[in-house]
Amino acid sequence: DNPAACVNCHVMQEMYDGWHKGSHKAVATCNDCHTPHTFPEKYLIKGLNGWNHSVAFTLNNFPEPIRITKLNREVAQGSCLYCHGALVTAISHPQDASPTDCLTCHAGVGHSR
């Protein structure tokens, strides 16, 4: 849960710096937004991401700037709703083909630029 572990990889420095300057620093670490809040899902995602990151960084096979995967974007969206769901219920549109996606308008919230 220590963000210093995530910033070990140079491609994460910009994300870490943005988090460090942003409003979420006071209330959330990387895992609060990037892993589910339930067991065993949290540890499954941590394991999967650990494996994927190890392979990508070992083989130097990743895009720069680093991009979030579809699965990890869904996890982050779930974390937005975990903390802010009661606040956004009135503006969410789950009946639409695609429910409201917090990251469409608030992409930089956790990593202020």
C-alpha atoms as a PDB file:
ATOM      1  CA  ASP A   1       0.000   0.000   0.000  1.00  0.00           C
ATOM      2  CA  ASN A   2       3.028   2.293  -0.037  1.00  0.00           C
ATOM      3  CA  PRO A   3       3.049   4.513  -3.160  1.00  0.00           C
ATOM      4  CA  ALA A   4       6.851   4.490  -3.047  1.00  0.00           C
ATOM      5  CA  ALA A   5       6.661   0.878  -4.267  1.00  0.00           C
ATOM      6  CA  CYS A   6       4.690   1.943  -7.344  1.00  0.00           C
ATOM      7  CA  VAL A   7       7.134   4.708  -8.222  1.00  0.00           C
ATOM      8  CA  ASN A   8      10.042   2.240  -8.359  1.00  0.00           C
ATOM      9  CA  CYS A   9       9.459   2.102 -12.107  1.00  0.00           C
ATOM     10  CA  HIS A  10      10.484   5.298 -13.891  1.00  0.00           C
ATOM     11  CA  VAL A  11       7.341   5.336 -16.032  1.00  0.00           C
ATOM     12  CA  MET A  12       5.259   5.841 -12.892  1.00  0.00           C
ATOM     13  CA  GLN A  13       7.098   8.977 -11.718  1.00  0.00           C
ATOM     14  CA  GLU A  14       4.701  11.370 -13.467  1.00  0.00           C
ATOM     15  CA  MET A  15       1.704   9.533 -11.981  1.00  0.00           C
ATOM     16  CA  TYR A  16       3.258   9.568  -8.519  1.00  0.00           C
ATOM     17  CA  ASP A  17       4.108  13.279  -8.748  1.00  0.00           C
ATOM     18  CA  GLY A  18       0.541  14.040  -9.822  1.00  0.00           C
ATOM     19  CA  TRP A  19      -0.912  12.005  -6.950  1.00  0.00           C
ATOM     20  CA  HIS A  20       1.514  13.644  -4.530  1.00  0.00           C
ATOM     21  CA  LYS A  21       0.259  17.124  -5.525  1.00  0.00           C
ATOM     22  CA  GLY A  22      -3.406  16.146  -5.778  1.00  0.00           C
ATOM     23  CA  SER A  23      -6.292  16.115  -3.344  1.00  0.00           C
ATOM     24  CA  HIS A  24      -6.469  12.319  -3.103  1.00  0.00           C
ATOM     25  CA  LYS A  25      -3.046  12.090  -1.426  1.00  0.00           C
ATOM     26  CA  ALA A  26      -4.655  12.883   1.926  1.00  0.00           C
ATOM     27  CA  VAL A  27      -7.201  10.054   1.658  1.00  0.00           C
ATOM     28  CA  ALA A  28      -6.014   7.393  -0.802  1.00  0.00           C
ATOM     29  CA  THR A  29      -2.960   5.423  -1.839  1.00  0.00           C
ATOM     30  CA  CYS A  30      -2.477   3.748  -5.213  1.00  0.00           C
ATOM     31  CA  ASN A  31      -4.232   0.558  -4.078  1.00  0.00           C
ATOM     32  CA  ASP A  32      -7.302   2.456  -2.874  1.00  0.00           C
ATOM     33  CA  CYS A  33      -8.054   3.417  -6.475  1.00  0.00           C
ATOM     34  CA  HIS A  34      -6.323   0.701  -8.476  1.00  0.00           C
ATOM     35  CA  THR A  35      -7.445  -2.454  -6.663  1.00  0.00           C
ATOM     36  CA  PRO A  36     -10.933  -3.636  -5.711  1.00  0.00           C
ATOM     37  CA  HIS A  37     -12.080  -3.224  -2.127  1.00  0.00           C
ATOM     38  CA  THR A  38     -13.221  -6.830  -1.721  1.00  0.00           C
ATOM     39  CA  PHE A  39     -11.441 -10.072  -0.968  1.00  0.00           C
ATOM     40  CA  PRO A  40     -10.268 -12.038  -2.974  1.00  0.00           C
ATOM     41  CA  GLU A  41     -10.641  -9.636  -5.914  1.00  0.00           C
ATOM     42  CA  LYS A  42      -8.114  -7.195  -4.453  1.00  0.00           C
ATOM     43  CA  TYR A  43      -5.383  -9.831  -4.318  1.00  0.00           C
ATOM     44  CA  LEU A  44      -6.276 -11.301  -7.704  1.00  0.00           C
ATOM     45  CA  ILE A  45      -5.863  -7.871  -9.334  1.00  0.00           C
ATOM     46  CA  LYS A  46      -2.678  -7.172  -7.363  1.00  0.00           C
ATOM     47  CA  GLY A  47      -1.234 -10.505  -8.497  1.00  0.00           C
ATOM     48  CA  LEU A  48      -2.283 -10.026 -12.110  1.00  0.00           C
ATOM     49  CA  ASN A  49      -0.910  -6.485 -12.221  1.00  0.00           C
ATOM     50  CA  GLY A  50       2.294  -7.535 -10.476  1.00  0.00           C
ATOM     51  CA  TRP A  51       2.835 -10.257 -13.063  1.00  0.00           C
ATOM     52  CA  ASN A  52       1.951  -8.006 -16.016  1.00  0.00           C
ATOM     53  CA  HIS A  53       4.143  -5.172 -14.770  1.00  0.00           C
ATOM     54  CA  SER A  54       7.071  -7.511 -14.115  1.00  0.00           C
ATOM     55  CA  VAL A  55       6.860  -8.956 -17.627  1.00  0.00           C
ATOM     56  CA  ALA A  56       6.383  -5.557 -19.292  1.00  0.00           C
ATOM     57  CA  PHE A  57       9.247  -3.874 -17.455  1.00  0.00           C
ATOM     58  CA  THR A  58      11.600  -6.846 -17.737  1.00  0.00           C
ATOM     59  CA  LEU A  59      11.043  -7.105 -21.488  1.00  0.00           C
ATOM     60  CA  ASN A  60      10.802  -3.325 -21.909  1.00  0.00           C
ATOM     61  CA  ASN A  61       7.470  -3.913 -23.640  1.00  0.00           C
ATOM     62  CA  PHE A  62       5.116  -1.109 -22.619  1.00  0.00           C
ATOM     63  CA  PRO A  63       3.937   2.187 -24.072  1.00  0.00           C
ATOM     64  CA  GLU A  64       5.248   5.505 -22.827  1.00  0.00           C
ATOM     65  CA  PRO A  65       3.417   7.307 -21.492  1.00  0.00           C
ATOM     66  CA  ILE A  66       1.995   4.297 -19.716  1.00  0.00           C
ATOM     67  CA  ARG A  67      -1.687   3.617 -20.421  1.00  0.00           C
ATOM     68  CA  ILE A  68      -4.341   2.066 -18.220  1.00  0.00           C
ATOM     69  CA  THR A  69      -5.821  -1.235 -19.431  1.00  0.00           C
ATOM     70  CA  LYS A  70      -9.542  -1.793 -19.880  1.00  0.00           C
ATOM     71  CA  LEU A  71      -9.660  -4.038 -16.790  1.00  0.00           C
ATOM     72  CA  ASN A  72      -7.768  -1.545 -14.635  1.00  0.00           C
ATOM     73  CA  ARG A  73      -9.965   1.295 -15.863  1.00  0.00           C
ATOM     74  CA  GLU A  74     -13.004  -0.718 -14.726  1.00  0.00           C
ATOM     75  CA  VAL A  75     -11.360  -1.268 -11.341  1.00  0.00           C
ATOM     76  CA  ALA A  76     -10.633   2.467 -10.999  1.00  0.00           C
ATOM     77  CA  GLN A  77     -14.240   3.276 -11.978  1.00  0.00           C
ATOM     78  CA  GLY A  78     -15.438   0.885  -9.276  1.00  0.00           C
ATOM     79  CA  SER A  79     -13.216   2.646  -6.762  1.00  0.00           C
ATOM     80  CA  CYS A  80     -14.634   6.033  -7.743  1.00  0.00           C
ATOM     81  CA  LEU A  81     -18.110   4.714  -7.024  1.00  0.00           C
ATOM     82  CA  TYR A  82     -16.973   2.947  -3.851  1.00  0.00           C
ATOM     83  CA  CYS A  83     -16.007   6.290  -2.328  1.00  0.00           C
ATOM     84  CA  HIS A  84     -18.258   8.725  -4.178  1.00  0.00           C
ATOM     85  CA  GLY A  85     -21.258   6.573  -5.177  1.00  0.00           C
ATOM     86  CA  ALA A  86     -23.746   8.239  -2.846  1.00  0.00           C
ATOM     87  CA  LEU A  87     -22.739  11.643  -4.182  1.00  0.00           C
ATOM     88  CA  VAL A  88     -23.096  10.762  -7.876  1.00  0.00           C
ATOM     89  CA  THR A  89     -26.193   8.543  -7.755  1.00  0.00           C
ATOM     90  CA  ALA A  90     -28.395  11.404  -8.907  1.00  0.00           C
ATOM     91  CA  ILE A  91     -26.297  12.067 -12.011  1.00  0.00           C
ATOM     92  CA  SER A  92     -25.485   8.476 -12.960  1.00  0.00           C
ATOM     93  CA  HIS A  93     -27.374   6.935 -15.850  1.00  0.00           C
ATOM     94  CA  PRO A  94     -27.195   3.139 -15.445  1.00  0.00           C
ATOM     95  CA  GLN A  95     -30.147   2.652 -17.804  1.00  0.00           C
ATOM     96  CA  ASP A  96     -28.041   3.948 -20.705  1.00  0.00           C
ATOM     97  CA  ALA A  97     -26.139   1.533 -22.905  1.00  0.00           C
ATOM     98  CA  SER A  98     -22.968   2.594 -21.135  1.00  0.00           C
ATOM     99  CA  PRO A  99     -23.227   3.751 -17.513  1.00  0.00           C
ATOM    100  CA  THR A 100     -21.674   7.038 -16.472  1.00  0.00           C
ATOM    101  CA  ASP A 101     -17.892   6.737 -16.602  1.00  0.00           C
ATOM    102  CA  CYS A 102     -16.222   8.982 -14.025  1.00  0.00           C
ATOM    103  CA  LEU A 103     -12.898   8.838 -15.854  1.00  0.00           C
ATOM    104  CA  THR A 104     -14.296  10.376 -19.021  1.00  0.00           C
ATOM    105  CA  CYS A 105     -14.538  13.799 -17.386  1.00  0.00           C
ATOM    106  CA  HIS A 106     -12.239  13.287 -14.396  1.00  0.00           C
ATOM    107  CA  ALA A 107      -9.284  11.443 -15.958  1.00  0.00           C
ATOM    108  CA  GLY A 108      -6.669  13.451 -14.086  1.00  0.00           C
ATOM    109  CA  VAL A 109      -8.275  13.536 -10.663  1.00  0.00           C
ATOM    110  CA  GLY A 110      -5.995  11.001  -8.968  1.00  0.00           C
ATOM    111  CA  HIS A 111      -2.963  12.165 -10.919  1.00  0.00           C
ATOM    112  CA  SER A 112      -3.256  15.935 -11.188  1.00  0.00           C
ATOM    113  CA  ARG A 113      -1.228  17.322 -14.013  1.00  0.00           C
END
